[in-house]
Amino acid sequence: MRILLVWKSSVFVMLSLVTNSALCQPPTIAFASDVSGNWEIYLTDTTGKRPVNLTDNLAADYYPTWSPDGTRIAFFSRRDGNHEIYVMQADGTNQRRLTHHPATDKAPAWSPDSTRLAFTSNRSGHFDICLFHLNNGEVEHLTKNLFQDEAPAWSPDGKTLVFHSKRELNWDIYVIDVNNRAEQQLTHQPLMDTYPAWSPDGQRIVYASMHAEVALADFDLYIMDAVDGGNKKALTDTPTDEAVPAWAPDGNAIAFQFEKDGRWVIHLMRADGSERRELIDNGAWAAQPKWSSRVSDALPIVPLGLQIQLWGKIRAR
């Protein structure tokens, strides 16, 4: 990505995309943005509701992930001086710290049975995938590799984690069996494959991939079979980056971050790459979208169609 940090006037633009399952009750999307001057966690939905600021904290808050029942959101934050994992209710209340370690703990992912959070940590001197047990606070190292293992995502059955790793001096996608620690490499191409996410039916994995055969090497979104990494197919083909994809709970749509004017905005599209729409362009950075399987009560604001609003007039809290 060509990173150019430019602060523009805070203008919020939102377009709507309604998935099949969202016709009656649009699912809620959490995302991170620095529109307020520092990174916060926000909520919106696919019909274009005005975002609600959940964290409203002077420190940086990133990478929201929903509990399976949609009542809580885990994230990581620098509010205590270094990156730690936190959790809050879906309306932003009861924010509390889960991890307590001088190393960096980041990128949480909630297990389907609600008992554990997978996350990335460099407690051992390099980034590994760890498990935080919510019942007792114990931390378990799942991978132990001299190179970085990052950005874990659970399979729907809770038996396997997918993640990206630099263990062969290039970022590729791997899966690991949570019980027996058996690993399998799913991608083997010369450039980077990152930020995998499992489809709700467990059959496919979407990820961001940089391929050398294009005129300008940039990240596009690809899809592959979860069982062995076969049947790889490009979903996007643009001259700028797409990354950090997230599946809708019905499997029919994907949210992701897209490079625009040197920053990230959030787009939606069908799971086959069609009907692409812009969801969040707030004049700042917006990234790391994650869907909830339920409608959140934390959005008591009327939906918008297509509108342009000054951010200062609509920011909630």
C-alpha atoms as a PDB file:
ATOM      1  CA  MET A   1       0.000   0.000   0.000  1.00  0.00           C
ATOM      2  CA  ARG A   2       1.213   3.500  -0.769  1.00  0.00           C
ATOM      3  CA  ILE A   3       0.665   5.177   2.595  1.00  0.00           C
ATOM      4  CA  LEU A   4       0.090   8.932   2.585  1.00  0.00           C
ATOM      5  CA  LEU A   5      -1.344  10.319   5.807  1.00  0.00           C
ATOM      6  CA  VAL A   6      -3.314  13.428   4.918  1.00  0.00           C
ATOM      7  CA  TRP A   7      -5.947  14.993   7.155  1.00  0.00           C
ATOM      8  CA  LYS A   8      -8.898  16.215   5.161  1.00  0.00           C
ATOM      9  CA  SER A   9     -12.015  18.036   6.260  1.00  0.00           C
ATOM     10  CA  SER A  10     -14.176  15.568   8.162  1.00  0.00           C
ATOM     11  CA  VAL A  11     -16.811  14.657   5.632  1.00  0.00           C
ATOM     12  CA  PHE A  12     -18.765  11.441   5.913  1.00  0.00           C
ATOM     13  CA  VAL A  13     -20.094   9.666   2.816  1.00  0.00           C
ATOM     14  CA  MET A  14     -22.109   6.471   2.976  1.00  0.00           C
ATOM     15  CA  LEU A  15     -23.662   4.286   0.298  1.00  0.00           C
ATOM     16  CA  SER A  16     -25.946   1.374   1.031  1.00  0.00           C
ATOM     17  CA  LEU A  17     -25.680  -2.294   0.108  1.00  0.00           C
ATOM     18  CA  VAL A  18     -28.373  -4.657   1.322  1.00  0.00           C
ATOM     19  CA  THR A  19     -27.596  -8.369   1.380  1.00  0.00           C
ATOM     20  CA  ASN A  20     -30.289 -11.019   1.070  1.00  0.00           C
ATOM     21  CA  SER A  21     -30.411 -11.651   4.811  1.00  0.00           C
ATOM     22  CA  ALA A  22     -30.417  -7.925   5.546  1.00  0.00           C
ATOM     23  CA  LEU A  23     -33.693  -7.033   3.827  1.00  0.00           C
ATOM     24  CA  CYS A  24     -35.582  -7.014   7.137  1.00  0.00           C
ATOM     25  CA  GLN A  25     -32.831  -6.731   9.735  1.00  0.00           C
ATOM     26  CA  PRO A  26     -29.531  -5.352   8.457  1.00  0.00           C
ATOM     27  CA  PRO A  27     -26.545  -6.853  10.283  1.00  0.00           C
ATOM     28  CA  THR A  28     -24.295  -4.627  12.348  1.00  0.00           C
ATOM     29  CA  ILE A  29     -20.714  -3.878  11.300  1.00  0.00           C
ATOM     30  CA  ALA A  30     -17.985  -2.776  13.712  1.00  0.00           C
ATOM     31  CA  PHE A  31     -14.927  -0.997  12.344  1.00  0.00           C
ATOM     32  CA  ALA A  32     -12.011   1.191  13.420  1.00  0.00           C
ATOM     33  CA  SER A  33     -11.460   4.779  12.318  1.00  0.00           C
ATOM     34  CA  ASP A  34      -9.299   7.776  13.245  1.00  0.00           C
ATOM     35  CA  VAL A  35     -11.873  10.362  12.157  1.00  0.00           C
ATOM     36  CA  SER A  36     -11.955  11.848  15.670  1.00  0.00           C
ATOM     37  CA  GLY A  37      -8.186  12.358  15.690  1.00  0.00           C
ATOM     38  CA  ASN A  38      -7.326   8.991  17.236  1.00  0.00           C
ATOM     39  CA  TRP A  39      -8.408   5.447  16.448  1.00  0.00           C
ATOM     40  CA  GLU A  40     -11.780   4.406  17.885  1.00  0.00           C
ATOM     41  CA  ILE A  41     -14.243   1.525  17.432  1.00  0.00           C
ATOM     42  CA  TYR A  42     -17.517   2.413  15.672  1.00  0.00           C
ATOM     43  CA  LEU A  43     -20.731   0.660  14.680  1.00  0.00           C
ATOM     44  CA  THR A  44     -22.794   1.050  11.528  1.00  0.00           C
ATOM     45  CA  ASP A  45     -24.891  -1.235   9.336  1.00  0.00           C
ATOM     46  CA  THR A  46     -25.322  -2.104   5.667  1.00  0.00           C
ATOM     47  CA  THR A  47     -28.255   0.262   5.107  1.00  0.00           C
ATOM     48  CA  GLY A  48     -26.164   3.306   5.921  1.00  0.00           C
ATOM     49  CA  LYS A  49     -26.760   4.104   9.563  1.00  0.00           C
ATOM     50  CA  ARG A  50     -24.675   6.876  11.002  1.00  0.00           C
ATOM     51  CA  PRO A  51     -21.712   5.410  12.895  1.00  0.00           C
ATOM     52  CA  VAL A  52     -21.777   5.265  16.687  1.00  0.00           C
ATOM     53  CA  ASN A  53     -18.500   5.751  18.563  1.00  0.00           C
ATOM     54  CA  LEU A  54     -18.240   2.965  21.134  1.00  0.00           C
ATOM     55  CA  THR A  55     -14.842   3.551  22.726  1.00  0.00           C
ATOM     56  CA  ASP A  56     -14.455   7.375  22.898  1.00  0.00           C
ATOM     57  CA  ASN A  57     -10.990   7.094  24.436  1.00  0.00           C
ATOM     58  CA  LEU A  58      -7.907   9.283  24.091  1.00  0.00           C
ATOM     59  CA  ALA A  59      -5.751   6.235  23.263  1.00  0.00           C
ATOM     60  CA  ALA A  60      -5.864   4.180  20.073  1.00  0.00           C
ATOM     61  CA  ASP A  61      -8.414   1.330  19.831  1.00  0.00           C
ATOM     62  CA  TYR A  62      -8.273  -1.169  16.954  1.00  0.00           C
ATOM     63  CA  TYR A  63      -9.487  -4.417  15.398  1.00  0.00           C
ATOM     64  CA  PRO A  64     -12.970  -5.186  16.751  1.00  0.00           C
ATOM     65  CA  THR A  65     -14.207  -8.773  16.850  1.00  0.00           C
ATOM     66  CA  TRP A  66     -17.699  -9.908  17.880  1.00  0.00           C
ATOM     67  CA  SER A  67     -18.665 -12.566  20.383  1.00  0.00           C
ATOM     68  CA  PRO A  68     -20.768 -15.285  18.710  1.00  0.00           C
ATOM     69  CA  ASP A  69     -23.964 -14.061  20.398  1.00  0.00           C
ATOM     70  CA  GLY A  70     -23.313 -10.465  19.312  1.00  0.00           C
ATOM     71  CA  THR A  71     -23.435  -9.037  22.842  1.00  0.00           C
ATOM     72  CA  ARG A  72     -19.724  -8.211  23.259  1.00  0.00           C
ATOM     73  CA  ILE A  73     -16.818  -6.870  21.217  1.00  0.00           C
ATOM     74  CA  ALA A  74     -13.141  -7.615  21.832  1.00  0.00           C
ATOM     75  CA  PHE A  75     -10.463  -5.241  20.530  1.00  0.00           C
ATOM     76  CA  PHE A  76      -6.926  -4.150  21.293  1.00  0.00           C
ATOM     77  CA  SER A  77      -5.851  -0.786  22.650  1.00  0.00           C
ATOM     78  CA  ARG A  78      -2.862   1.278  23.759  1.00  0.00           C
ATOM     79  CA  ARG A  79      -4.787   2.995  26.576  1.00  0.00           C
ATOM     80  CA  ASP A  80      -2.554   1.459  29.275  1.00  0.00           C
ATOM     81  CA  GLY A  81       0.717   2.241  27.535  1.00  0.00           C
ATOM     82  CA  ASN A  82       1.107  -0.812  25.306  1.00  0.00           C
ATOM     83  CA  HIS A  83      -1.136  -2.963  23.146  1.00  0.00           C
ATOM     84  CA  GLU A  84      -3.444  -5.168  25.240  1.00  0.00           C
ATOM     85  CA  ILE A  85      -6.687  -7.059  24.572  1.00  0.00           C
ATOM     86  CA  TYR A  86      -9.914  -5.492  25.883  1.00  0.00           C
ATOM     87  CA  VAL A  87     -13.584  -6.409  25.813  1.00  0.00           C
ATOM     88  CA  MET A  88     -16.783  -4.343  26.053  1.00  0.00           C
ATOM     89  CA  GLN A  89     -20.518  -4.738  25.659  1.00  0.00           C
ATOM     90  CA  ALA A  90     -21.865  -4.169  22.146  1.00  0.00           C
ATOM     91  CA  ASP A  91     -23.110  -0.722  23.202  1.00  0.00           C
ATOM     92  CA  GLY A  92     -19.623   0.305  24.386  1.00  0.00           C
ATOM     93  CA  THR A  93     -20.260  -0.087  28.124  1.00  0.00           C
ATOM     94  CA  ASN A  94     -18.213  -2.090  30.639  1.00  0.00           C
ATOM     95  CA  GLN A  95     -14.872  -1.743  28.846  1.00  0.00           C
ATOM     96  CA  ARG A  96     -12.265  -3.839  30.628  1.00  0.00           C
ATOM     97  CA  ARG A  97      -8.762  -5.136  30.050  1.00  0.00           C
ATOM     98  CA  LEU A  98      -8.187  -8.865  29.565  1.00  0.00           C
ATOM     99  CA  THR A  99      -4.429  -9.259  29.033  1.00  0.00           C
ATOM    100  CA  HIS A 100      -1.698  -7.849  31.265  1.00  0.00           C
ATOM    101  CA  HIS A 101       1.746  -8.225  29.747  1.00  0.00           C
ATOM    102  CA  PRO A 102       4.523  -5.783  28.706  1.00  0.00           C
ATOM    103  CA  ALA A 103       4.622  -7.362  25.222  1.00  0.00           C
ATOM    104  CA  THR A 104       2.240  -6.525  22.372  1.00  0.00           C
ATOM    105  CA  ASP A 105      -1.094  -8.383  22.390  1.00  0.00           C
ATOM    106  CA  LYS A 106      -3.245  -7.660  19.336  1.00  0.00           C
ATOM    107  CA  ALA A 107      -5.733  -8.869  16.686  1.00  0.00           C
ATOM    108  CA  PRO A 108      -8.221 -10.845  18.814  1.00  0.00           C
ATOM    109  CA  ALA A 109     -10.643 -13.397  17.304  1.00  0.00           C
ATOM    110  CA  TRP A 110     -13.529 -14.888  19.282  1.00  0.00           C
ATOM    111  CA  SER A 111     -13.930 -18.670  19.240  1.00  0.00           C
ATOM    112  CA  PRO A 112     -17.315 -20.001  18.035  1.00  0.00           C
ATOM    113  CA  ASP A 113     -18.008 -21.562  21.447  1.00  0.00           C
ATOM    114  CA  SER A 114     -17.296 -18.231  23.225  1.00  0.00           C
ATOM    115  CA  THR A 115     -14.689 -19.782  25.545  1.00  0.00           C
ATOM    116  CA  ARG A 116     -11.461 -18.395  24.043  1.00  0.00           C
ATOM    117  CA  LEU A 117      -9.937 -15.494  22.200  1.00  0.00           C
ATOM    118  CA  ALA A 118      -7.192 -16.226  19.691  1.00  0.00           C
ATOM    119  CA  PHE A 119      -4.762 -13.327  19.363  1.00  0.00           C
ATOM    120  CA  THR A 120      -1.273 -12.376  18.212  1.00  0.00           C
ATOM    121  CA  SER A 121       1.476 -11.715  20.750  1.00  0.00           C
ATOM    122  CA  ASN A 122       5.252 -11.290  20.808  1.00  0.00           C
ATOM    123  CA  ARG A 123       5.638 -12.464  24.405  1.00  0.00           C
ATOM    124  CA  SER A 124       8.265 -14.969  23.301  1.00  0.00           C
ATOM    125  CA  GLY A 125      10.255 -12.370  21.347  1.00  0.00           C
ATOM    126  CA  HIS A 126       8.457 -12.929  18.037  1.00  0.00           C
ATOM    127  CA  PHE A 127       4.784 -12.917  17.104  1.00  0.00           C
ATOM    128  CA  ASP A 128       2.913 -16.162  17.727  1.00  0.00           C
ATOM    129  CA  ILE A 129      -0.745 -17.170  17.823  1.00  0.00           C
ATOM    130  CA  CYS A 130      -1.989 -17.435  21.409  1.00  0.00           C
ATOM    131  CA  LEU A 131      -5.252 -18.424  23.077  1.00  0.00           C
ATOM    132  CA  PHE A 132      -6.788 -16.484  25.957  1.00  0.00           C
ATOM    133  CA  HIS A 133      -9.114 -18.649  28.057  1.00  0.00           C
ATOM    134  CA  LEU A 134     -12.022 -16.450  29.132  1.00  0.00           C
ATOM    135  CA  ASN A 135     -13.004 -18.588  32.119  1.00  0.00           C
ATOM    136  CA  ASN A 136      -9.711 -18.237  33.977  1.00  0.00           C
ATOM    137  CA  GLY A 137      -7.554 -15.699  32.108  1.00  0.00           C
ATOM    138  CA  GLU A 138      -4.853 -18.216  31.221  1.00  0.00           C
ATOM    139  CA  VAL A 139      -2.840 -17.663  28.027  1.00  0.00           C
ATOM    140  CA  GLU A 140      -1.753 -20.609  25.895  1.00  0.00           C
ATOM    141  CA  HIS A 141       0.840 -20.400  23.092  1.00  0.00           C
ATOM    142  CA  LEU A 142      -0.567 -22.180  20.043  1.00  0.00           C
ATOM    143  CA  THR A 143       2.295 -21.581  17.584  1.00  0.00           C
ATOM    144  CA  LYS A 144       5.986 -21.352  18.421  1.00  0.00           C
ATOM    145  CA  ASN A 145       7.863 -20.106  15.402  1.00  0.00           C
ATOM    146  CA  LEU A 146      10.913 -17.885  14.977  1.00  0.00           C
ATOM    147  CA  PHE A 147       9.082 -15.840  12.349  1.00  0.00           C
ATOM    148  CA  GLN A 148       5.823 -13.907  12.679  1.00  0.00           C
ATOM    149  CA  ASP A 149       2.455 -15.680  12.913  1.00  0.00           C
ATOM    150  CA  GLU A 150      -0.368 -13.136  12.885  1.00  0.00           C
ATOM    151  CA  ALA A 151      -4.073 -12.327  12.371  1.00  0.00           C
ATOM    152  CA  PRO A 152      -5.819 -15.569  13.452  1.00  0.00           C
ATOM    153  CA  ALA A 153      -9.388 -16.390  12.373  1.00  0.00           C
ATOM    154  CA  TRP A 154     -11.476 -19.364  13.540  1.00  0.00           C
ATOM    155  CA  SER A 155     -13.134 -22.015  11.444  1.00  0.00           C
ATOM    156  CA  PRO A 156     -16.908 -22.139  12.100  1.00  0.00           C
ATOM    157  CA  ASP A 157     -16.585 -25.464  13.938  1.00  0.00           C
ATOM    158  CA  GLY A 158     -13.925 -24.037  16.276  1.00  0.00           C
ATOM    159  CA  LYS A 159     -11.419 -26.793  15.521  1.00  0.00           C
ATOM    160  CA  THR A 160      -8.972 -24.853  13.332  1.00  0.00           C
ATOM    161  CA  LEU A 161      -7.402 -21.418  13.054  1.00  0.00           C
ATOM    162  CA  VAL A 162      -6.230 -19.777   9.834  1.00  0.00           C
ATOM    163  CA  PHE A 163      -3.523 -17.101   9.969  1.00  0.00           C
ATOM    164  CA  HIS A 164      -0.760 -15.500   7.938  1.00  0.00           C
ATOM    165  CA  SER A 165       2.898 -16.213   8.640  1.00  0.00           C
ATOM    166  CA  LYS A 166       6.315 -15.084   7.470  1.00  0.00           C
ATOM    167  CA  ARG A 167       8.021 -18.334   8.411  1.00  0.00           C
ATOM    168  CA  GLU A 168       9.503 -18.877   4.925  1.00  0.00           C
ATOM    169  CA  LEU A 169      10.557 -15.207   4.628  1.00  0.00           C
ATOM    170  CA  ASN A 170       7.342 -14.463   2.760  1.00  0.00           C
ATOM    171  CA  TRP A 171       3.811 -13.995   4.061  1.00  0.00           C
ATOM    172  CA  ASP A 172       1.642 -17.053   3.337  1.00  0.00           C
ATOM    173  CA  ILE A 173      -1.607 -18.491   4.682  1.00  0.00           C
ATOM    174  CA  TYR A 174      -1.512 -21.419   7.135  1.00  0.00           C
ATOM    175  CA  VAL A 175      -4.045 -23.356   9.171  1.00  0.00           C
ATOM    176  CA  ILE A 176      -3.469 -25.074  12.509  1.00  0.00           C
ATOM    177  CA  ASP A 177      -5.525 -27.689  14.336  1.00  0.00           C
ATOM    178  CA  VAL A 178      -6.223 -26.212  17.759  1.00  0.00           C
ATOM    179  CA  ASN A 179      -6.106 -29.606  19.504  1.00  0.00           C
ATOM    180  CA  ASN A 180      -3.157 -31.459  17.988  1.00  0.00           C
ATOM    181  CA  ARG A 181      -1.216 -28.411  16.630  1.00  0.00           C
ATOM    182  CA  ALA A 182      -0.914 -29.948  13.143  1.00  0.00           C
ATOM    183  CA  GLU A 183      -0.235 -27.226  10.557  1.00  0.00           C
ATOM    184  CA  GLN A 184      -0.835 -26.945   6.824  1.00  0.00           C
ATOM    185  CA  GLN A 185       0.357 -24.277   4.385  1.00  0.00           C
ATOM    186  CA  LEU A 186      -2.388 -23.178   1.970  1.00  0.00           C
ATOM    187  CA  THR A 187      -0.617 -20.588  -0.217  1.00  0.00           C
ATOM    188  CA  HIS A 188       2.799 -20.824  -1.894  1.00  0.00           C
ATOM    189  CA  GLN A 189       3.302 -17.833  -4.174  1.00  0.00           C
ATOM    190  CA  PRO A 190       6.292 -15.437  -4.294  1.00  0.00           C
ATOM    191  CA  LEU A 191       4.513 -12.366  -2.924  1.00  0.00           C
ATOM    192  CA  MET A 192       2.396 -11.760   0.166  1.00  0.00           C
ATOM    193  CA  ASP A 193      -0.842 -13.516   1.183  1.00  0.00           C
ATOM    194  CA  THR A 194      -2.424 -11.998   4.295  1.00  0.00           C
ATOM    195  CA  TYR A 195      -5.517 -11.522   6.499  1.00  0.00           C
ATOM    196  CA  PRO A 196      -7.495 -14.713   5.850  1.00  0.00           C
ATOM    197  CA  ALA A 197     -11.127 -15.100   6.946  1.00  0.00           C
ATOM    198  CA  TRP A 198     -13.241 -18.271   6.998  1.00  0.00           C
ATOM    199  CA  SER A 199     -16.635 -18.394   5.265  1.00  0.00           C
ATOM    200  CA  PRO A 200     -19.618 -19.116   7.565  1.00  0.00           C
ATOM    201  CA  ASP A 201     -20.169 -22.513   5.911  1.00  0.00           C
ATOM    202  CA  GLY A 202     -16.537 -23.489   6.534  1.00  0.00           C
ATOM    203  CA  GLN A 203     -15.879 -24.269   2.862  1.00  0.00           C
ATOM    204  CA  ARG A 204     -13.861 -21.249   1.711  1.00  0.00           C
ATOM    205  CA  ILE A 205     -11.271 -18.748   2.885  1.00  0.00           C
ATOM    206  CA  VAL A 206     -11.031 -15.186   1.587  1.00  0.00           C
ATOM    207  CA  TYR A 207      -7.710 -13.351   1.890  1.00  0.00           C
ATOM    208  CA  ALA A 208      -5.620 -10.467   0.516  1.00  0.00           C
ATOM    209  CA  SER A 209      -2.944 -11.443  -2.005  1.00  0.00           C
ATOM    210  CA  MET A 210      -0.257  -9.579  -3.934  1.00  0.00           C
ATOM    211  CA  HIS A 211       0.577 -11.137  -7.309  1.00  0.00           C
ATOM    212  CA  ALA A 212       3.594 -10.360  -9.488  1.00  0.00           C
ATOM    213  CA  GLU A 213       1.870 -11.133 -12.783  1.00  0.00           C
ATOM    214  CA  VAL A 214      -0.189  -7.929 -12.675  1.00  0.00           C
ATOM    215  CA  ALA A 215       1.207  -4.687 -14.088  1.00  0.00           C
ATOM    216  CA  LEU A 216       1.337  -3.048 -10.648  1.00  0.00           C
ATOM    217  CA  ALA A 217       1.721  -5.437  -7.723  1.00  0.00           C
ATOM    218  CA  ASP A 218      -0.931  -4.563  -5.155  1.00  0.00           C
ATOM    219  CA  PHE A 219      -3.246  -6.435  -2.813  1.00  0.00           C
ATOM    220  CA  ASP A 220      -6.429  -7.892  -4.289  1.00  0.00           C
ATOM    221  CA  LEU A 221      -8.923 -10.180  -2.603  1.00  0.00           C
ATOM    222  CA  TYR A 222      -8.826 -13.884  -3.443  1.00  0.00           C
ATOM    223  CA  ILE A 223     -10.870 -16.883  -2.409  1.00  0.00           C
ATOM    224  CA  MET A 224      -9.790 -20.523  -2.044  1.00  0.00           C
ATOM    225  CA  ASP A 225     -10.999 -23.865  -0.740  1.00  0.00           C
ATOM    226  CA  ALA A 226     -10.480 -24.154   3.002  1.00  0.00           C
ATOM    227  CA  VAL A 227      -9.615 -27.848   2.951  1.00  0.00           C
ATOM    228  CA  ASP A 228      -6.430 -27.600   0.876  1.00  0.00           C
ATOM    229  CA  GLY A 229      -6.093 -24.089  -0.577  1.00  0.00           C
ATOM    230  CA  GLY A 230      -7.273 -25.230  -4.020  1.00  0.00           C
ATOM    231  CA  ASN A 231      -9.409 -23.394  -6.583  1.00  0.00           C
ATOM    232  CA  LYS A 232      -7.882 -19.984  -5.920  1.00  0.00           C
ATOM    233  CA  LYS A 233      -9.835 -17.193  -7.620  1.00  0.00           C
ATOM    234  CA  ALA A 234      -9.495 -13.405  -7.660  1.00  0.00           C
ATOM    235  CA  LEU A 235     -12.520 -11.457  -6.423  1.00  0.00           C
ATOM    236  CA  THR A 236     -11.093  -7.989  -7.086  1.00  0.00           C
ATOM    237  CA  ASP A 237      -8.732  -6.537  -9.683  1.00  0.00           C
ATOM    238  CA  THR A 238      -7.923  -2.876  -9.085  1.00  0.00           C
ATOM    239  CA  PRO A 239      -4.708  -0.793  -9.208  1.00  0.00           C
ATOM    240  CA  THR A 240      -4.942  -0.084  -5.461  1.00  0.00           C
ATOM    241  CA  ASP A 241      -5.113  -2.302  -2.388  1.00  0.00           C
ATOM    242  CA  GLU A 242      -7.959  -4.316  -0.903  1.00  0.00           C
ATOM    243  CA  ALA A 243      -7.323  -6.035   2.440  1.00  0.00           C
ATOM    244  CA  VAL A 244      -8.719  -7.364   5.745  1.00  0.00           C
ATOM    245  CA  PRO A 245     -11.878  -9.015   4.341  1.00  0.00           C
ATOM    246  CA  ALA A 246     -14.754 -10.144   6.577  1.00  0.00           C
ATOM    247  CA  TRP A 247     -17.709 -12.376   5.684  1.00  0.00           C
ATOM    248  CA  ALA A 248     -21.323 -11.435   6.278  1.00  0.00           C
ATOM    249  CA  PRO A 249     -23.023 -13.902   8.640  1.00  0.00           C
ATOM    250  CA  ASP A 250     -25.094 -15.370   5.772  1.00  0.00           C
ATOM    251  CA  GLY A 251     -21.990 -15.822   3.579  1.00  0.00           C
ATOM    252  CA  ASN A 252     -23.456 -13.725   0.765  1.00  0.00           C
ATOM    253  CA  ALA A 253     -21.344 -10.584   1.161  1.00  0.00           C
ATOM    254  CA  ILE A 254     -17.845  -9.478   2.155  1.00  0.00           C
ATOM    255  CA  ALA A 255     -16.757  -6.228   3.816  1.00  0.00           C
ATOM    256  CA  PHE A 256     -13.161  -5.074   3.413  1.00  0.00           C
ATOM    257  CA  GLN A 257     -10.865  -2.074   3.516  1.00  0.00           C
ATOM    258  CA  PHE A 258      -9.898  -0.364   0.257  1.00  0.00           C
ATOM    259  CA  GLU A 259      -7.098   2.083  -0.459  1.00  0.00           C
ATOM    260  CA  LYS A 260      -8.430   5.448  -1.606  1.00  0.00           C
ATOM    261  CA  ASP A 261      -6.460   8.700  -1.752  1.00  0.00           C
ATOM    262  CA  GLY A 262      -3.671   7.220   0.350  1.00  0.00           C
ATOM    263  CA  ARG A 263      -5.922   6.007   3.183  1.00  0.00           C
ATOM    264  CA  TRP A 264      -8.328   3.163   3.940  1.00  0.00           C
ATOM    265  CA  VAL A 265     -12.075   3.314   3.365  1.00  0.00           C
ATOM    266  CA  ILE A 266     -14.586   0.457   3.717  1.00  0.00           C
ATOM    267  CA  HIS A 267     -16.324  -1.298   0.822  1.00  0.00           C
ATOM    268  CA  LEU A 268     -18.923  -4.059   0.554  1.00  0.00           C
ATOM    269  CA  MET A 269     -19.479  -6.545  -2.243  1.00  0.00           C
ATOM    270  CA  ARG A 270     -21.212  -9.824  -2.962  1.00  0.00           C
ATOM    271  CA  ALA A 271     -19.197 -12.926  -2.121  1.00  0.00           C
ATOM    272  CA  ASP A 272     -18.539 -13.472  -5.839  1.00  0.00           C
ATOM    273  CA  GLY A 273     -16.999  -9.976  -6.183  1.00  0.00           C
ATOM    274  CA  SER A 274     -20.030  -8.378  -7.853  1.00  0.00           C
ATOM    275  CA  GLU A 275     -22.180  -5.387  -6.802  1.00  0.00           C
ATOM    276  CA  ARG A 276     -19.366  -3.581  -5.055  1.00  0.00           C
ATOM    277  CA  ARG A 277     -20.351  -0.515  -3.011  1.00  0.00           C
ATOM    278  CA  GLU A 278     -18.602   2.034  -0.808  1.00  0.00           C
ATOM    279  CA  LEU A 279     -19.872   1.983   2.766  1.00  0.00           C
ATOM    280  CA  ILE A 280     -17.557   4.236   4.802  1.00  0.00           C
ATOM    281  CA  ASP A 281     -15.624   7.246   3.522  1.00  0.00           C
ATOM    282  CA  ASN A 282     -15.376   9.709   6.376  1.00  0.00           C
ATOM    283  CA  GLY A 283     -12.484  11.795   5.075  1.00  0.00           C
ATOM    284  CA  ALA A 284     -10.096   9.978   7.434  1.00  0.00           C
ATOM    285  CA  TRP A 285      -9.037   6.331   7.796  1.00  0.00           C
ATOM    286  CA  ALA A 286     -11.640   3.579   8.233  1.00  0.00           C
ATOM    287  CA  ALA A 287     -10.556  -0.070   8.414  1.00  0.00           C
ATOM    288  CA  GLN A 288     -10.925  -3.549   9.935  1.00  0.00           C
ATOM    289  CA  PRO A 289     -14.658  -4.170   9.393  1.00  0.00           C
ATOM    290  CA  LYS A 290     -16.277  -7.070  11.265  1.00  0.00           C
ATOM    291  CA  TRP A 291     -19.884  -8.281  11.055  1.00  0.00           C
ATOM    292  CA  SER A 292     -22.168  -9.269  13.887  1.00  0.00           C
ATOM    293  CA  SER A 293     -24.775 -12.004  13.455  1.00  0.00           C
ATOM    294  CA  ARG A 294     -27.406  -9.888  15.200  1.00  0.00           C
ATOM    295  CA  VAL A 295     -28.825  -6.376  15.015  1.00  0.00           C
ATOM    296  CA  SER A 296     -27.290  -4.208  17.717  1.00  0.00           C
ATOM    297  CA  ASP A 297     -29.367  -2.091  20.090  1.00  0.00           C
ATOM    298  CA  ALA A 298     -26.421   0.330  20.120  1.00  0.00           C
ATOM    299  CA  LEU A 299     -27.638   1.963  16.886  1.00  0.00           C
ATOM    300  CA  PRO A 300     -30.731   3.979  17.858  1.00  0.00           C
ATOM    301  CA  ILE A 301     -30.380   6.242  14.822  1.00  0.00           C
ATOM    302  CA  VAL A 302     -32.532   6.437  11.733  1.00  0.00           C
ATOM    303  CA  PRO A 303     -31.059   4.858   8.566  1.00  0.00           C
ATOM    304  CA  LEU A 304     -29.645   6.971   5.781  1.00  0.00           C
ATOM    305  CA  GLY A 305     -29.883   6.370   2.074  1.00  0.00           C
ATOM    306  CA  LEU A 306     -27.186   8.374   0.335  1.00  0.00           C
ATOM    307  CA  GLN A 307     -26.123  11.415   2.319  1.00  0.00           C
ATOM    308  CA  ILE A 308     -23.178  13.667   2.963  1.00  0.00           C
ATOM    309  CA  GLN A 309     -22.965  14.983   6.521  1.00  0.00           C
ATOM    310  CA  LEU A 310     -20.436  16.912   8.541  1.00  0.00           C
ATOM    311  CA  TRP A 311     -18.967  14.406  10.961  1.00  0.00           C
ATOM    312  CA  GLY A 312     -19.182  16.801  13.915  1.00  0.00           C
ATOM    313  CA  LYS A 313     -22.964  16.899  13.565  1.00  0.00           C
ATOM    314  CA  ILE A 314     -23.513  13.157  13.656  1.00  0.00           C
ATOM    315  CA  ARG A 315     -20.835  11.661  15.888  1.00  0.00           C
ATOM    316  CA  ALA A 316     -22.578   9.843  18.726  1.00  0.00           C
ATOM    317  CA  ARG A 317     -21.724   9.913  22.479  1.00  0.00           C
END
